[in-house]
Amino acid sequence: MCNNFGMVINVDITRLKEIREDRDYKQKDIAKLLHTTQQQYSKYELGIRVIPIEQLEKLADFYNLSIDYMIGRTNERKPYPKK
């Protein structure tokens, strides 16, 4: 996936689905949280659409996880302390 600077960002989108399913949420539940449709959220999980950073922030806060964990950059689930 490319960001606005043309750089490729390696995102492990499989974790989005795993995290959601581990907590027994349906796609429509998370879509509602993100103020989007189930179809749009499904595209995030499938890697068809890039999930905006603002949406990742909401999910990280909701699940109490670090964004780095959610995108597969670390296996550390604990979020960083707030400023």
PDB file of N, CA and C in Angstrom:
ATOM      1  N   MET A   1       0.842  -1.169   0.000  1.00  0.00           N
ATOM      2  CA  MET A   1       0.000   0.000   0.000  1.00  0.00           C
ATOM      3  C   MET A   1       0.890   1.236   0.000  1.00  0.00           C
ATOM      4  N   CYS A   2       0.460   2.275  -0.650  1.00  0.00           N
ATOM      5  CA  CYS A   2       1.244   3.497  -0.738  1.00  0.00           C
ATOM      6  C   CYS A   2       0.614   4.589   0.106  1.00  0.00           C
ATOM      7  N   ASN A   3       1.476   5.412   0.707  1.00  0.00           N
ATOM      8  CA  ASN A   3       0.967   6.576   1.418  1.00  0.00           C
ATOM      9  C   ASN A   3       1.046   7.784   0.501  1.00  0.00           C
ATOM     10  N   ASN A   4       0.766   8.973   1.028  1.00  0.00           N
ATOM     11  CA  ASN A   4       0.749  10.182   0.209  1.00  0.00           C
ATOM     12  C   ASN A   4       2.112  10.562  -0.337  1.00  0.00           C
ATOM     13  N   PHE A   5       3.164   9.991   0.196  1.00  0.00           N
ATOM     14  CA  PHE A   5       4.511  10.312  -0.251  1.00  0.00           C
ATOM     15  C   PHE A   5       5.031   9.279  -1.237  1.00  0.00           C
ATOM     16  N   GLY A   6       4.172   8.347  -1.652  1.00  0.00           N
ATOM     17  CA  GLY A   6       4.570   7.324  -2.609  1.00  0.00           C
ATOM     18  C   GLY A   6       5.341   6.176  -1.986  1.00  0.00           C
ATOM     19  N   MET A   7       5.460   6.168  -0.664  1.00  0.00           N
ATOM     20  CA  MET A   7       6.176   5.103   0.019  1.00  0.00           C
ATOM     21  C   MET A   7       5.218   3.946   0.289  1.00  0.00           C
ATOM     22  N   VAL A   8       5.735   2.741   0.202  1.00  0.00           N
ATOM     23  CA  VAL A   8       4.912   1.559   0.464  1.00  0.00           C
ATOM     24  C   VAL A   8       4.863   1.303   1.961  1.00  0.00           C
ATOM     25  N   ILE A   9       3.653   1.068   2.458  1.00  0.00           N
ATOM     26  CA  ILE A   9       3.454   0.751   3.872  1.00  0.00           C
ATOM     27  C   ILE A   9       3.014  -0.699   3.956  1.00  0.00           C
ATOM     28  N   ASN A  10       3.760  -1.518   4.688  1.00  0.00           N
ATOM     29  CA  ASN A  10       3.426  -2.925   4.845  1.00  0.00           C
ATOM     30  C   ASN A  10       2.471  -3.071   6.024  1.00  0.00           C
ATOM     31  N   VAL A  11       1.211  -3.376   5.730  1.00  0.00           N
ATOM     32  CA  VAL A  11       0.196  -3.493   6.773  1.00  0.00           C
ATOM     33  C   VAL A  11      -0.330  -4.918   6.793  1.00  0.00           C
ATOM     34  N   ASP A  12      -0.271  -5.553   7.957  1.00  0.00           N
ATOM     35  CA  ASP A  12      -0.801  -6.899   8.136  1.00  0.00           C
ATOM     36  C   ASP A  12      -2.281  -6.788   8.475  1.00  0.00           C
ATOM     37  N   ILE A  13      -3.116  -6.710   7.441  1.00  0.00           N
ATOM     38  CA  ILE A  13      -4.539  -6.508   7.653  1.00  0.00           C
ATOM     39  C   ILE A  13      -5.216  -7.740   8.234  1.00  0.00           C
ATOM     40  N   THR A  14      -4.558  -8.885   8.221  1.00  0.00           N
ATOM     41  CA  THR A  14      -5.185 -10.086   8.787  1.00  0.00           C
ATOM     42  C   THR A  14      -5.464  -9.914  10.276  1.00  0.00           C
ATOM     43  N   ARG A  15      -4.678  -9.088  10.935  1.00  0.00           N
ATOM     44  CA  ARG A  15      -4.913  -8.887  12.364  1.00  0.00           C
ATOM     45  C   ARG A  15      -6.213  -8.160  12.639  1.00  0.00           C
ATOM     46  N   LEU A  16      -6.644  -7.292  11.742  1.00  0.00           N
ATOM     47  CA  LEU A  16      -7.916  -6.592  11.960  1.00  0.00           C
ATOM     48  C   LEU A  16      -9.039  -7.592  12.172  1.00  0.00           C
ATOM     49  N   LYS A  17      -9.089  -8.589  11.328  1.00  0.00           N
ATOM     50  CA  LYS A  17     -10.135  -9.612  11.431  1.00  0.00           C
ATOM     51  C   LYS A  17      -9.943 -10.463  12.683  1.00  0.00           C
ATOM     52  N   GLU A  18      -8.712 -10.874  12.946  1.00  0.00           N
ATOM     53  CA  GLU A  18      -8.434 -11.714  14.122  1.00  0.00           C
ATOM     54  C   GLU A  18      -8.818 -11.002  15.416  1.00  0.00           C
ATOM     55  N   ILE A  19      -8.456  -9.728  15.520  1.00  0.00           N
ATOM     56  CA  ILE A  19      -8.760  -8.960  16.721  1.00  0.00           C
ATOM     57  C   ILE A  19     -10.272  -8.852  16.902  1.00  0.00           C
ATOM     58  N   ARG A  20     -10.955  -8.523  15.831  1.00  0.00           N
ATOM     59  CA  ARG A  20     -12.419  -8.384  15.887  1.00  0.00           C
ATOM     60  C   ARG A  20     -13.077  -9.694  16.293  1.00  0.00           C
ATOM     61  N   GLU A  21     -12.676 -10.784  15.651  1.00  0.00           N
ATOM     62  CA  GLU A  21     -13.288 -12.082  15.942  1.00  0.00           C
ATOM     63  C   GLU A  21     -12.952 -12.571  17.343  1.00  0.00           C
ATOM     64  N   ASP A  22     -11.737 -12.296  17.821  1.00  0.00           N
ATOM     65  CA  ASP A  22     -11.354 -12.694  19.181  1.00  0.00           C
ATOM     66  C   ASP A  22     -12.254 -12.055  20.232  1.00  0.00           C
ATOM     67  N   ARG A  23     -12.795 -10.901  19.905  1.00  0.00           N
ATOM     68  CA  ARG A  23     -13.658 -10.188  20.841  1.00  0.00           C
ATOM     69  C   ARG A  23     -15.146 -10.356  20.520  1.00  0.00           C
ATOM     70  N   ASP A  24     -15.426 -11.277  19.612  1.00  0.00           N
ATOM     71  CA  ASP A  24     -16.804 -11.634  19.249  1.00  0.00           C
ATOM     72  C   ASP A  24     -17.636 -10.465  18.708  1.00  0.00           C
ATOM     73  N   TYR A  25     -16.987  -9.614  17.910  1.00  0.00           N
ATOM     74  CA  TYR A  25     -17.711  -8.547  17.219  1.00  0.00           C
ATOM     75  C   TYR A  25     -17.937  -8.947  15.774  1.00  0.00           C
ATOM     76  N   LYS A  26     -19.003  -8.442  15.220  1.00  0.00           N
ATOM     77  CA  LYS A  26     -19.290  -8.620  13.805  1.00  0.00           C
ATOM     78  C   LYS A  26     -18.785  -7.390  13.059  1.00  0.00           C
ATOM     79  N   GLN A  27     -18.584  -7.539  11.761  1.00  0.00           N
ATOM     80  CA  GLN A  27     -18.126  -6.407  10.964  1.00  0.00           C
ATOM     81  C   GLN A  27     -19.068  -5.219  11.106  1.00  0.00           C
ATOM     82  N   LYS A  28     -20.366  -5.483  11.160  1.00  0.00           N
ATOM     83  CA  LYS A  28     -21.322  -4.377  11.254  1.00  0.00           C
ATOM     84  C   LYS A  28     -21.165  -3.615  12.566  1.00  0.00           C
ATOM     85  N   ASP A  29     -20.751  -4.301  13.649  1.00  0.00           N
ATOM     86  CA  ASP A  29     -20.525  -3.633  14.932  1.00  0.00           C
ATOM     87  C   ASP A  29     -19.370  -2.639  14.825  1.00  0.00           C
ATOM     88  N   ILE A  30     -18.291  -3.078  14.214  1.00  0.00           N
ATOM     89  CA  ILE A  30     -17.110  -2.229  14.084  1.00  0.00           C
ATOM     90  C   ILE A  30     -17.364  -1.118  13.072  1.00  0.00           C
ATOM     91  N   ALA A  31     -18.086  -1.433  12.019  1.00  0.00           N
ATOM     92  CA  ALA A  31     -18.438  -0.407  11.031  1.00  0.00           C
ATOM     93  C   ALA A  31     -19.228   0.718  11.701  1.00  0.00           C
ATOM     94  N   LYS A  32     -20.155   0.356  12.571  1.00  0.00           N
ATOM     95  CA  LYS A  32     -20.948   1.365  13.281  1.00  0.00           C
ATOM     96  C   LYS A  32     -20.051   2.240  14.147  1.00  0.00           C
ATOM     97  N   LEU A  33     -19.104   1.630  14.845  1.00  0.00           N
ATOM     98  CA  LEU A  33     -18.146   2.366  15.666  1.00  0.00           C
ATOM     99  C   LEU A  33     -17.367   3.380  14.817  1.00  0.00           C
ATOM    100  N   LEU A  34     -17.010   2.982  13.610  1.00  0.00           N
ATOM    101  CA  LEU A  34     -16.205   3.824  12.722  1.00  0.00           C
ATOM    102  C   LEU A  34     -17.053   4.754  11.853  1.00  0.00           C
ATOM    103  N   HIS A  35     -18.353   4.693  12.026  1.00  0.00           N
ATOM    104  CA  HIS A  35     -19.280   5.514  11.226  1.00  0.00           C
ATOM    105  C   HIS A  35     -19.097   5.266   9.733  1.00  0.00           C
ATOM    106  N   THR A  36     -19.061   3.990   9.379  1.00  0.00           N
ATOM    107  CA  THR A  36     -18.951   3.578   7.987  1.00  0.00           C
ATOM    108  C   THR A  36     -19.890   2.402   7.763  1.00  0.00           C
ATOM    109  N   THR A  37     -19.883   1.862   6.582  1.00  0.00           N
ATOM    110  CA  THR A  37     -20.748   0.727   6.286  1.00  0.00           C
ATOM    111  C   THR A  37     -20.004  -0.584   6.535  1.00  0.00           C
ATOM    112  N   GLN A  38     -20.766  -1.641   6.688  1.00  0.00           N
ATOM    113  CA  GLN A  38     -20.164  -2.966   6.837  1.00  0.00           C
ATOM    114  C   GLN A  38     -19.370  -3.308   5.587  1.00  0.00           C
ATOM    115  N   GLN A  39     -19.871  -2.930   4.423  1.00  0.00           N
ATOM    116  CA  GLN A  39     -19.185  -3.224   3.167  1.00  0.00           C
ATOM    117  C   GLN A  39     -17.822  -2.522   3.114  1.00  0.00           C
ATOM    118  N   GLN A  40     -17.782  -1.256   3.556  1.00  0.00           N
ATOM    119  CA  GLN A  40     -16.509  -0.518   3.571  1.00  0.00           C
ATOM    120  C   GLN A  40     -15.542  -1.167   4.550  1.00  0.00           C
ATOM    121  N   TYR A  41     -16.028  -1.508   5.745  1.00  0.00           N
ATOM    122  CA  TYR A  41     -15.145  -2.131   6.726  1.00  0.00           C
ATOM    123  C   TYR A  41     -14.626  -3.472   6.207  1.00  0.00           C
ATOM    124  N   SER A  42     -15.461  -4.221   5.536  1.00  0.00           N
ATOM    125  CA  SER A  42     -15.043  -5.490   4.949  1.00  0.00           C
ATOM    126  C   SER A  42     -13.878  -5.282   3.993  1.00  0.00           C
ATOM    127  N   LYS A  43     -13.917  -4.208   3.228  1.00  0.00           N
ATOM    128  CA  LYS A  43     -12.822  -3.901   2.291  1.00  0.00           C
ATOM    129  C   LYS A  43     -11.525  -3.605   3.029  1.00  0.00           C
ATOM    130  N   TYR A  44     -11.620  -3.008   4.214  1.00  0.00           N
ATOM    131  CA  TYR A  44     -10.421  -2.800   5.031  1.00  0.00           C
ATOM    132  C   TYR A  44      -9.816  -4.147   5.427  1.00  0.00           C
ATOM    133  N   GLU A  45     -10.658  -5.044   5.924  1.00  0.00           N
ATOM    134  CA  GLU A  45     -10.169  -6.353   6.371  1.00  0.00           C
ATOM    135  C   GLU A  45      -9.613  -7.177   5.219  1.00  0.00           C
ATOM    136  N   LEU A  46     -10.174  -7.031   4.041  1.00  0.00           N
ATOM    137  CA  LEU A  46      -9.706  -7.786   2.878  1.00  0.00           C
ATOM    138  C   LEU A  46      -8.495  -7.161   2.207  1.00  0.00           C
ATOM    139  N   GLY A  47      -8.138  -5.951   2.621  1.00  0.00           N
ATOM    140  CA  GLY A  47      -7.005  -5.264   2.016  1.00  0.00           C
ATOM    141  C   GLY A  47      -7.333  -4.613   0.687  1.00  0.00           C
ATOM    142  N   ILE A  48      -8.617  -4.500   0.381  1.00  0.00           N
ATOM    143  CA  ILE A  48      -9.040  -3.865  -0.869  1.00  0.00           C
ATOM    144  C   ILE A  48      -8.923  -2.348  -0.748  1.00  0.00           C
ATOM    145  N   ARG A  49      -9.220  -1.824   0.432  1.00  0.00           N
ATOM    146  CA  ARG A  49      -9.125  -0.391   0.707  1.00  0.00           C
ATOM    147  C   ARG A  49      -8.157  -0.185   1.865  1.00  0.00           C
ATOM    148  N   VAL A  50      -7.421   0.909   1.811  1.00  0.00           N
ATOM    149  CA  VAL A  50      -6.508   1.261   2.894  1.00  0.00           C
ATOM    150  C   VAL A  50      -7.321   1.892   4.015  1.00  0.00           C
ATOM    151  N   ILE A  51      -7.135   1.394   5.216  1.00  0.00           N
ATOM    152  CA  ILE A  51      -7.864   1.953   6.356  1.00  0.00           C
ATOM    153  C   ILE A  51      -7.173   3.250   6.791  1.00  0.00           C
ATOM    154  N   PRO A  52      -7.910   4.340   6.882  1.00  0.00           N
ATOM    155  CA  PRO A  52      -7.313   5.619   7.279  1.00  0.00           C
ATOM    156  C   PRO A  52      -6.749   5.559   8.702  1.00  0.00           C
ATOM    157  N   ILE A  53      -5.698   6.332   8.929  1.00  0.00           N
ATOM    158  CA  ILE A  53      -5.052   6.344  10.243  1.00  0.00           C
ATOM    159  C   ILE A  53      -6.032   6.745  11.339  1.00  0.00           C
ATOM    160  N   GLU A  54      -6.962   7.625  11.034  1.00  0.00           N
ATOM    161  CA  GLU A  54      -7.948   8.043  12.032  1.00  0.00           C
ATOM    162  C   GLU A  54      -8.805   6.851  12.470  1.00  0.00           C
ATOM    163  N   GLN A  55      -9.109   5.974  11.527  1.00  0.00           N
ATOM    164  CA  GLN A  55      -9.898   4.779  11.850  1.00  0.00           C
ATOM    165  C   GLN A  55      -9.054   3.807  12.678  1.00  0.00           C
ATOM    166  N   LEU A  56      -7.781   3.677  12.340  1.00  0.00           N
ATOM    167  CA  LEU A  56      -6.888   2.819  13.130  1.00  0.00           C
ATOM    168  C   LEU A  56      -6.770   3.332  14.561  1.00  0.00           C
ATOM    169  N   GLU A  57      -6.705   4.644  14.714  1.00  0.00           N
ATOM    170  CA  GLU A  57      -6.636   5.232  16.057  1.00  0.00           C
ATOM    171  C   GLU A  57      -7.881   4.888  16.869  1.00  0.00           C
ATOM    172  N   LYS A  58      -9.044   5.008  16.249  1.00  0.00           N
ATOM    173  CA  LYS A  58     -10.295   4.656  16.938  1.00  0.00           C
ATOM    174  C   LYS A  58     -10.294   3.188  17.349  1.00  0.00           C
ATOM    175  N   LEU A  59      -9.865   2.328  16.425  1.00  0.00           N
ATOM    176  CA  LEU A  59      -9.843   0.893  16.736  1.00  0.00           C
ATOM    177  C   LEU A  59      -8.835   0.578  17.835  1.00  0.00           C
ATOM    178  N   ALA A  60      -7.670   1.200  17.788  1.00  0.00           N
ATOM    179  CA  ALA A  60      -6.656   0.962  18.816  1.00  0.00           C
ATOM    180  C   ALA A  60      -7.183   1.361  20.190  1.00  0.00           C
ATOM    181  N   ASP A  61      -7.860   2.507  20.264  1.00  0.00           N
ATOM    182  CA  ASP A  61      -8.440   2.935  21.534  1.00  0.00           C
ATOM    183  C   ASP A  61      -9.556   1.991  21.975  1.00  0.00           C
ATOM    184  N   PHE A  62     -10.405   1.613  21.037  1.00  0.00           N
ATOM    185  CA  PHE A  62     -11.527   0.724  21.339  1.00  0.00           C
ATOM    186  C   PHE A  62     -11.049  -0.630  21.856  1.00  0.00           C
ATOM    187  N   TYR A  63     -10.061  -1.203  21.179  1.00  0.00           N
ATOM    188  CA  TYR A  63      -9.555  -2.523  21.563  1.00  0.00           C
ATOM    189  C   TYR A  63      -8.472  -2.455  22.646  1.00  0.00           C
ATOM    190  N   ASN A  64      -8.018  -1.238  22.970  1.00  0.00           N
ATOM    191  CA  ASN A  64      -6.925  -1.039  23.921  1.00  0.00           C
ATOM    192  C   ASN A  64      -5.659  -1.766  23.465  1.00  0.00           C
ATOM    193  N   LEU A  65      -5.307  -1.536  22.217  1.00  0.00           N
ATOM    194  CA  LEU A  65      -4.122  -2.141  21.604  1.00  0.00           C
ATOM    195  C   LEU A  65      -3.274  -1.055  20.960  1.00  0.00           C
ATOM    196  N   SER A  66      -2.015  -1.370  20.700  1.00  0.00           N
ATOM    197  CA  SER A  66      -1.185  -0.433  19.955  1.00  0.00           C
ATOM    198  C   SER A  66      -1.484  -0.582  18.456  1.00  0.00           C
ATOM    199  N   ILE A  67      -1.378   0.524  17.737  1.00  0.00           N
ATOM    200  CA  ILE A  67      -1.546   0.467  16.286  1.00  0.00           C
ATOM    201  C   ILE A  67      -0.466  -0.424  15.688  1.00  0.00           C
ATOM    202  N   ASP A  68       0.741  -0.363  16.227  1.00  0.00           N
ATOM    203  CA  ASP A  68       1.823  -1.212  15.721  1.00  0.00           C
ATOM    204  C   ASP A  68       1.449  -2.689  15.797  1.00  0.00           C
ATOM    205  N   TYR A  69       0.788  -3.096  16.867  1.00  0.00           N
ATOM    206  CA  TYR A  69       0.326  -4.480  16.963  1.00  0.00           C
ATOM    207  C   TYR A  69      -0.733  -4.767  15.906  1.00  0.00           C
ATOM    208  N   MET A  70      -1.666  -3.837  15.762  1.00  0.00           N
ATOM    209  CA  MET A  70      -2.773  -4.043  14.834  1.00  0.00           C
ATOM    210  C   MET A  70      -2.304  -4.200  13.393  1.00  0.00           C
ATOM    211  N   ILE A  71      -1.209  -3.526  13.030  1.00  0.00           N
ATOM    212  CA  ILE A  71      -0.730  -3.611  11.650  1.00  0.00           C
ATOM    213  C   ILE A  71       0.441  -4.579  11.501  1.00  0.00           C
ATOM    214  N   GLY A  72       0.727  -5.338  12.536  1.00  0.00           N
ATOM    215  CA  GLY A  72       1.723  -6.390  12.432  1.00  0.00           C
ATOM    216  C   GLY A  72       3.168  -5.963  12.565  1.00  0.00           C
ATOM    217  N   ARG A  73       3.428  -4.771  13.112  1.00  0.00           N
ATOM    218  CA  ARG A  73       4.813  -4.304  13.273  1.00  0.00           C
ATOM    219  C   ARG A  73       5.444  -4.825  14.553  1.00  0.00           C
ATOM    220  N   THR A  74       4.615  -5.293  15.480  1.00  0.00           N
ATOM    221  CA  THR A  74       5.112  -5.830  16.742  1.00  0.00           C
ATOM    222  C   THR A  74       4.116  -6.867  17.243  1.00  0.00           C
ATOM    223  N   ASN A  75       4.572  -7.693  18.147  1.00  0.00           N
ATOM    224  CA  ASN A  75       3.673  -8.641  18.803  1.00  0.00           C
ATOM    225  C   ASN A  75       3.261  -8.137  20.180  1.00  0.00           C
ATOM    226  N   GLU A  76       3.700  -6.931  20.529  1.00  0.00           N
ATOM    227  CA  GLU A  76       3.349  -6.300  21.801  1.00  0.00           C
ATOM    228  C   GLU A  76       1.970  -5.656  21.664  1.00  0.00           C
ATOM    229  N   ARG A  77       1.006  -6.184  22.409  1.00  0.00           N
ATOM    230  CA  ARG A  77      -0.374  -5.696  22.317  1.00  0.00           C
ATOM    231  C   ARG A  77      -0.592  -4.393  23.079  1.00  0.00           C
ATOM    232  N   LYS A  78       0.153  -4.172  24.141  1.00  0.00           N
ATOM    233  CA  LYS A  78      -0.061  -3.042  25.033  1.00  0.00           C
ATOM    234  C   LYS A  78       0.103  -1.718  24.290  1.00  0.00           C
ATOM    235  N   PRO A  79      -0.880  -0.830  24.417  1.00  0.00           N
ATOM    236  CA  PRO A  79      -0.751   0.470  23.760  1.00  0.00           C
ATOM    237  C   PRO A  79       0.290   1.337  24.477  1.00  0.00           C
ATOM    238  N   TYR A  80       0.804   2.311  23.755  1.00  0.00           N
ATOM    239  CA  TYR A  80       1.748   3.254  24.349  1.00  0.00           C
ATOM    240  C   TYR A  80       0.989   4.172  25.291  1.00  0.00           C
ATOM    241  N   PRO A  81       1.684   4.683  26.320  1.00  0.00           N
ATOM    242  CA  PRO A  81       1.015   5.622  27.239  1.00  0.00           C
ATOM    243  C   PRO A  81       0.604   6.892  26.493  1.00  0.00           C
ATOM    244  N   LYS A  82      -0.522   7.476  26.887  1.00  0.00           N
ATOM    245  CA  LYS A  82      -0.998   8.726  26.301  1.00  0.00           C
ATOM    246  C   LYS A  82      -0.100   9.870  26.754  1.00  0.00           C
ATOM    247  N   LYS A  83       0.006  10.883  25.923  1.00  0.00           N
ATOM    248  CA  LYS A  83       0.809  12.065  26.289  1.00  0.00           C
ATOM    249  C   LYS A  83       0.117  12.841  27.382  1.00  0.00           C
TER     250      LYS A  83
END
